[in-house]
Amino acid sequence: MASTGRVEKSRAKKKPLKKWDLQDTVTIRAGAAALARDLITHRELACYYSPVFKAAFNSQFVEGETQTYTLDDVGPAVARLLIHWFYHQELDLEFSIATKGRADMQLCELWVRMPRSFHPSVRRVLGRCLQATEERKFHETSSLVIRSCNPRKSPKELALLTSPSPKILADKLMIPSLKNLVIGELERLRKRFHTISTHCLNYVYENTESESPLRMLFLHWCAFNMVESRFKEKPEHFPKEMLLDLAVMQSRALPKKTGELKSERRDMMMFKVEEME
């Protein structure tokens, strides 16, 4: 199910891992082509915090054979944030008022991009590794329903219908505690510097689904914490879909009994043009 902005009762938070094999390491390759960087981390840490890495590094696919996982659409700086979090359960960000926008974009990438790098082979092995979980049971049930309703579909077409979306993978298979930490850090930066990085909005809307918690955070900021002049100063920062969501949010936020806005008390002179005698 797609995530909404509402807070739901969740599982107990995973306790930090205190000990791990210092000799057992894996490689996370971040970045595309010539810009890629190999980052080393301890295997037990990566597998403990992420079912995705656990499935990949224990599989018979290339990730398991080479003990290397490639994140070609994630920059090295963002991948370093992830690895630092493995060890310290905190985000290592250096920023000032001049670099706050860059820090916000890195946090958005960390929230969004990690789950989008799953290779199809990892998705397949994830199904086996998560066989006993509620998510896997739900996926198996939905797969059976889709197959029974589409008996003439080819295996390839059925695979497209039953494969989990990146958003579902993000919510179900990645690291929810890290995503929540990112949300908290974004809010902390906003309060400290009293600025909103609206240049992140297009990226956020291109890479998240409707009512994503990350979208909702930016919407709340724009609705209740941003100066109205920003819309005219940087119109290219605001995607059309975001403006529609903002209109809906503002409409819902209006008090139910705002008397002066009710039709029977509205000053209609506000909407009339001057008539020539």
Protein backbone atom coordinates (compact mmCIF):
# COMPACT_ATOMS: atom_id res chain seq x y z
CA MET A 1 0.00 0.00 0.00
CA ALA A 2 1.24 3.50 -0.73
CA SER A 3 2.40 5.41 2.25
CA THR A 4 0.34 8.29 3.52
CA GLY A 5 1.30 11.18 5.72
CA ARG A 6 -0.56 9.71 8.67
CA VAL A 7 1.38 8.22 11.53
CA GLU A 8 0.60 4.56 12.02
CA LYS A 9 1.51 2.11 14.75
CA SER A 10 4.77 0.43 13.73
CA ARG A 11 7.04 -2.37 14.83
CA ALA A 12 9.51 -1.92 17.64
CA LYS A 13 12.55 0.07 16.56
CA LYS A 14 15.54 -2.06 15.64
CA LYS A 15 18.23 -1.88 18.31
CA PRO A 16 21.69 -0.68 17.20
CA LEU A 17 24.15 -3.47 16.43
CA LYS A 18 26.95 -3.43 19.00
CA LYS A 19 29.38 -6.05 17.61
CA TRP A 20 30.33 -7.21 14.14
CA ASP A 21 33.08 -9.14 12.35
CA LEU A 22 35.83 -6.61 11.62
CA GLN A 23 37.32 -8.79 8.88
CA ASP A 24 34.12 -9.26 6.90
CA THR A 25 33.51 -6.29 4.59
CA VAL A 26 31.47 -5.47 1.49
CA THR A 27 31.66 -2.73 -1.13
CA ILE A 28 28.96 -0.19 -1.95
CA ARG A 29 29.73 1.37 -5.33
CA ALA A 30 28.09 4.79 -5.53
CA GLY A 31 27.78 6.92 -8.63
CA ALA A 32 27.68 6.27 -12.35
CA ALA A 33 30.57 5.31 -14.63
CA ALA A 34 33.72 7.39 -14.16
CA LEU A 35 32.28 9.23 -11.16
CA ALA A 36 31.65 6.05 -9.19
CA ARG A 37 33.42 5.53 -5.88
CA ASP A 38 33.86 2.29 -3.95
CA LEU A 39 32.92 2.64 -0.29
CA ILE A 40 33.80 -0.14 2.15
CA THR A 41 31.57 -1.09 5.08
CA HIS A 42 31.23 -4.09 7.35
CA ARG A 43 28.97 -6.77 5.96
CA GLU A 44 27.10 -7.53 9.19
CA LEU A 45 26.16 -3.87 9.63
CA ALA A 46 24.81 -3.48 6.09
CA CYS A 47 22.83 -6.73 6.30
CA TYR A 48 21.52 -6.01 9.80
CA TYR A 49 20.01 -2.64 8.92
CA SER A 50 18.85 -3.32 5.38
CA PRO A 51 16.96 -6.42 4.18
CA VAL A 52 17.90 -5.29 0.68
CA PHE A 53 21.62 -5.61 1.35
CA LYS A 54 21.06 -8.82 3.30
CA ALA A 55 19.26 -10.35 0.33
CA ALA A 56 21.83 -9.11 -2.17
CA PHE A 57 25.01 -10.13 -0.34
CA ASN A 58 23.61 -13.58 0.51
CA SER A 59 22.34 -14.30 -3.00
CA GLN A 60 23.81 -16.27 -5.89
CA PHE A 61 23.61 -13.23 -8.12
CA VAL A 62 26.50 -10.93 -8.99
CA GLU A 63 26.07 -8.94 -5.75
CA GLY A 64 26.53 -12.09 -3.69
CA GLU A 65 29.46 -13.36 -5.75
CA THR A 66 31.38 -10.08 -5.76
CA GLN A 67 30.11 -8.74 -2.42
CA THR A 68 29.62 -5.43 -4.22
CA TYR A 69 26.35 -3.52 -4.50
CA THR A 70 26.06 -0.76 -7.10
CA LEU A 71 24.03 2.39 -6.52
CA ASP A 72 24.54 4.06 -9.88
CA ASP A 73 21.96 6.78 -9.30
CA VAL A 74 23.25 7.74 -5.85
CA GLY A 75 26.23 10.04 -5.40
CA PRO A 76 29.15 9.10 -3.13
CA ALA A 77 28.28 11.89 -0.67
CA VAL A 78 24.78 10.48 -0.13
CA ALA A 79 26.09 6.91 0.15
CA ARG A 80 28.56 8.08 2.82
CA LEU A 81 25.63 9.42 4.84
CA LEU A 82 24.08 5.95 4.73
CA ILE A 83 27.29 4.18 5.80
CA HIS A 84 27.91 6.70 8.59
CA TRP A 85 24.39 6.01 9.82
CA PHE A 86 25.14 2.27 9.94
CA TYR A 87 27.87 2.92 12.52
CA HIS A 88 26.55 5.88 14.49
CA GLN A 89 22.77 6.06 13.95
CA GLU A 90 23.12 9.74 13.08
CA LEU A 91 23.53 11.85 9.96
CA ASP A 92 26.97 13.36 9.42
CA LEU A 93 26.26 16.65 7.69
CA GLU A 94 28.49 19.69 7.48
CA PHE A 95 26.54 22.78 6.57
CA SER A 96 26.17 26.51 6.97
CA ILE A 97 23.58 28.95 5.76
CA ALA A 98 25.44 28.93 2.42
CA THR A 99 25.36 25.13 2.05
CA LYS A 100 22.01 24.40 3.69
CA GLY A 101 20.31 23.96 0.30
CA ARG A 102 22.85 21.34 -0.74
CA ALA A 103 22.41 19.51 2.57
CA ASP A 104 18.63 19.47 2.06
CA MET A 105 19.03 18.00 -1.42
CA GLN A 106 21.36 15.28 -0.10
CA LEU A 107 18.81 14.39 2.56
CA CYS A 108 16.05 14.22 -0.04
CA GLU A 109 18.22 11.94 -2.18
CA LEU A 110 18.92 9.73 0.82
CA TRP A 111 15.18 9.47 1.53
CA VAL A 112 14.20 8.85 -2.09
CA ARG A 113 16.99 7.28 -4.11
CA MET A 114 18.25 4.33 -2.11
CA PRO A 115 15.21 2.12 -2.74
CA ARG A 116 15.15 3.03 -6.46
CA SER A 117 18.47 1.30 -7.08
CA PHE A 118 17.17 -2.23 -6.56
CA HIS A 119 18.18 -4.50 -9.43
CA PRO A 120 15.45 -6.91 -10.61
CA SER A 121 17.58 -9.85 -9.47
CA VAL A 122 17.60 -8.42 -5.96
CA ARG A 123 13.82 -8.08 -6.06
CA ARG A 124 13.54 -11.78 -6.86
CA VAL A 125 15.84 -12.89 -4.08
CA LEU A 126 14.10 -10.50 -1.67
CA GLY A 127 10.94 -12.52 -2.10
CA ARG A 128 12.67 -15.63 -0.80
CA CYS A 129 14.46 -13.86 2.03
CA LEU A 130 11.24 -12.21 3.23
CA GLN A 131 9.06 -15.30 2.78
CA ALA A 132 7.96 -15.39 6.42
CA THR A 133 7.11 -11.69 6.67
CA GLU A 134 3.75 -10.01 6.35
CA GLU A 135 4.96 -8.08 3.31
CA ARG A 136 5.87 -11.27 1.48
CA LYS A 137 2.54 -12.91 2.31
CA PHE A 138 0.73 -9.84 1.00
CA HIS A 139 2.82 -9.85 -2.19
CA GLU A 140 2.21 -13.56 -2.78
CA THR A 141 -1.53 -13.13 -2.30
CA SER A 142 -1.68 -10.18 -4.69
CA SER A 143 0.38 -12.14 -7.24
CA LEU A 144 -2.08 -15.06 -7.14
CA VAL A 145 -5.03 -12.72 -7.60
CA ILE A 146 -3.38 -10.99 -10.56
CA ARG A 147 -2.49 -14.32 -12.18
CA SER A 148 -6.02 -15.70 -11.74
CA CYS A 149 -7.49 -12.54 -13.28
CA ASN A 150 -5.01 -12.54 -16.16
CA PRO A 151 -4.67 -16.19 -17.27
CA ARG A 152 -3.56 -15.25 -20.80
CA LYS A 153 -0.78 -12.91 -19.73
CA SER A 154 2.78 -13.97 -20.53
CA PRO A 155 5.28 -14.51 -17.65
CA LYS A 156 6.97 -11.23 -18.60
CA GLU A 157 3.69 -9.29 -18.49
CA LEU A 158 2.77 -10.89 -15.15
CA ALA A 159 6.16 -9.93 -13.74
CA LEU A 160 5.46 -6.29 -14.57
CA LEU A 161 2.06 -6.48 -12.90
CA THR A 162 3.29 -8.16 -9.72
CA SER A 163 6.65 -6.46 -9.17
CA PRO A 164 6.57 -4.03 -6.24
CA SER A 165 6.81 -0.34 -7.03
CA PRO A 166 9.89 1.59 -5.84
CA LYS A 167 7.70 3.34 -3.28
CA ILE A 168 6.48 0.05 -1.79
CA LEU A 169 10.05 -1.17 -1.66
CA ALA A 170 11.06 2.05 0.05
CA ASP A 171 8.38 1.69 2.70
CA LYS A 172 8.50 -2.08 3.21
CA LEU A 173 12.05 -3.19 2.51
CA MET A 174 14.45 -0.39 3.24
CA ILE A 175 15.22 1.36 6.52
CA PRO A 176 12.23 3.28 7.92
CA SER A 177 14.15 4.56 10.96
CA LEU A 178 16.70 6.21 8.67
CA LYS A 179 13.96 7.78 6.56
CA ASN A 180 12.37 9.18 9.72
CA LEU A 181 15.74 10.53 10.86
CA VAL A 182 16.08 12.32 7.51
CA ILE A 183 12.65 13.93 7.99
CA GLY A 184 13.67 15.13 11.46
CA GLU A 185 16.96 16.51 10.17
CA LEU A 186 15.23 18.44 7.39
CA GLU A 187 12.91 20.06 9.93
CA ARG A 188 15.81 20.85 12.25
CA LEU A 189 17.68 22.60 9.44
CA ARG A 190 14.59 24.63 8.53
CA LYS A 191 14.14 25.82 12.09
CA ARG A 192 17.80 26.67 12.50
CA PHE A 193 18.24 28.68 9.30
CA HIS A 194 14.62 29.82 8.74
CA THR A 195 14.80 28.89 5.06
CA ILE A 196 12.98 26.39 2.83
CA SER A 197 14.90 24.73 0.00
CA THR A 198 12.19 25.04 -2.63
CA HIS A 199 14.70 24.02 -5.32
CA CYS A 200 14.23 20.45 -4.00
CA LEU A 201 10.52 20.39 -4.86
CA ASN A 202 10.81 19.27 -8.48
CA TYR A 203 13.13 16.44 -7.47
CA VAL A 204 10.83 15.35 -4.63
CA TYR A 205 7.73 15.35 -6.84
CA GLU A 206 9.46 13.48 -9.65
CA ASN A 207 10.60 10.71 -7.31
CA THR A 208 7.79 10.19 -4.80
CA GLU A 209 4.13 9.23 -4.94
CA SER A 210 1.02 11.08 -3.85
CA GLU A 211 0.85 11.74 -0.09
CA SER A 212 4.44 10.65 0.42
CA PRO A 213 5.65 11.82 3.86
CA LEU A 214 8.47 13.76 2.16
CA ARG A 215 5.97 15.54 -0.08
CA MET A 216 3.74 16.30 2.88
CA LEU A 217 6.64 17.86 4.79
CA PHE A 218 7.47 20.24 1.94
CA LEU A 219 3.78 21.04 1.47
CA HIS A 220 3.42 21.97 5.14
CA TRP A 221 6.46 24.19 4.90
CA CYS A 222 5.18 26.00 1.81
CA ALA A 223 1.69 26.37 3.27
CA PHE A 224 2.58 27.55 6.76
CA ASN A 225 6.24 28.57 6.98
CA MET A 226 7.19 30.20 3.68
CA VAL A 227 6.85 33.86 2.72
CA GLU A 228 4.37 34.29 -0.11
CA SER A 229 6.83 36.29 -2.20
CA ARG A 230 8.81 33.09 -2.81
CA PHE A 231 6.18 31.89 -5.32
CA LYS A 232 6.85 34.91 -7.55
CA GLU A 233 10.60 34.99 -6.98
CA LYS A 234 11.18 31.34 -7.96
CA PRO A 235 8.13 30.11 -9.94
CA GLU A 236 10.25 27.41 -11.61
CA HIS A 237 10.71 25.75 -8.21
CA PHE A 238 7.02 24.82 -7.89
CA PRO A 239 5.69 21.93 -10.02
CA LYS A 240 2.05 22.05 -11.10
CA GLU A 241 1.12 18.95 -9.09
CA MET A 242 2.59 20.49 -5.97
CA LEU A 243 0.55 23.68 -6.43
CA LEU A 244 -2.63 21.60 -6.76
CA ASP A 245 -1.76 19.71 -3.57
CA LEU A 246 -1.08 23.02 -1.86
CA ALA A 247 -4.49 24.39 -2.87
CA VAL A 248 -6.20 21.32 -1.43
CA MET A 249 -4.21 21.55 1.80
CA GLN A 250 -4.96 25.25 2.24
CA SER A 251 -8.65 24.64 1.59
CA ARG A 252 -8.77 21.94 4.26
CA ALA A 253 -6.83 24.11 6.69
CA LEU A 254 -9.35 26.97 6.62
CA PRO A 255 -11.49 27.10 9.76
CA LYS A 256 -14.90 25.56 9.22
CA LYS A 257 -16.65 28.61 10.68
CA THR A 258 -14.73 31.47 9.08
CA GLY A 259 -17.75 33.77 8.94
CA GLU A 260 -16.25 36.48 6.76
CA LEU A 261 -15.54 33.95 4.00
CA LYS A 262 -19.04 32.48 3.94
CA SER A 263 -21.12 33.43 0.93
CA GLU A 264 -23.84 35.15 2.98
CA ARG A 265 -21.32 37.55 4.56
CA ARG A 266 -18.89 38.01 1.69
CA ASP A 267 -18.24 41.59 0.62
CA MET A 268 -19.04 41.33 -3.08
CA MET A 269 -17.49 44.75 -3.77
CA MET A 270 -14.15 42.96 -3.64
CA PHE A 271 -14.96 41.27 -6.96
CA LYS A 272 -16.64 44.08 -8.89
CA VAL A 273 -15.03 46.40 -11.43
CA GLU A 274 -15.50 50.14 -11.50
CA GLU A 275 -18.40 51.23 -13.70
CA MET A 276 -18.17 54.32 -15.88
CA GLU A 277 -20.97 56.88 -15.54
